């Protein structure tokens, strides 16, 4: 095919693609934009293989570069923009993704309760979930007469532990979010693992009689931390479901749309985990009567429950 025929055949499609890329409304790209982009890439490959003029090849190169920018580059995020996204869209996102949230919360807390009762009835069952070394470390941490509980922790240690908590918690949450790309399994498996772990550890601690030191420590920050893990799991499962069931769209576009839909959830989980890390590092280890920790912890749980109840009934 001559170059003139090639240009005449594709000119209207190129013009349409150029108009889409030059539009001021970057959020209004059509569902088939990915397909149009792949066609442009194919046109460029054909032009090169047929040795068409350098000006035509350069023009198609510009189209490919511009299309790639629209497909793979998002807006630059800042803490201010993230907080604004959370404040404006978190409650609505809770409602739009409420079924995934309820399933994730039910799976997390429900299975944790099942494992808790199992280990409580049959203490040796804890070894199905944790190894001996991990159990020894947990026992030393919450033993009321042990070194960890008896030694006073300094301010520098609190700051250090804050960094550790942030690294661990947010790492888990974003692993679950990104794991949605593995057809949801990368989000579901960490959710179940953390559920089993929490249930088994809680029952083992009660069996040892260390419940006062354990529950007074975890009750406050646990409301934010555990729920945030379930939220991240729900977001990852939403992405996985869209990947498995893209409907009329390409899988790539369906996943991109799901990512936008759950982004407020991820920002919300991030904020909850930050708050949990602050509480765990500076409030939970305080040497004060446990009654104060239980009161504050109960208020935090009621606050989280209220937020999620209102969010999943948003607009009603």
Foldseek 3Di string as FASTA:
>chain_A
DDPVVLCVVCVVLVVVLVCLLPDPPLVPDDLCLVVSLVVLVVSLVVCVVVVHDPVVNVSSVVSNVSSCCSQPPDDDDDPVVLVVCLVPCVLQLLQVLVVLLVVLVCLQQVLLQVLLVVCLVPVVCLCVQDPPVVLVVLCQCLVCPHPNNVDDDDPVQLVVQLVVLLVVLLVLLVQLLVLLVVLLPSNVVSSNSNSNNNSSSQNNCVVVVSNLLVCLLCLALVLLRNSLSSLSSSLSNQLSVCLVPVDPGDSSSSSVVSCVSSSSSSSSSSVSSSVSSNCNSPPRSDPDPSVVSVVNSVVNNVVSVVSSVCSNVPPD
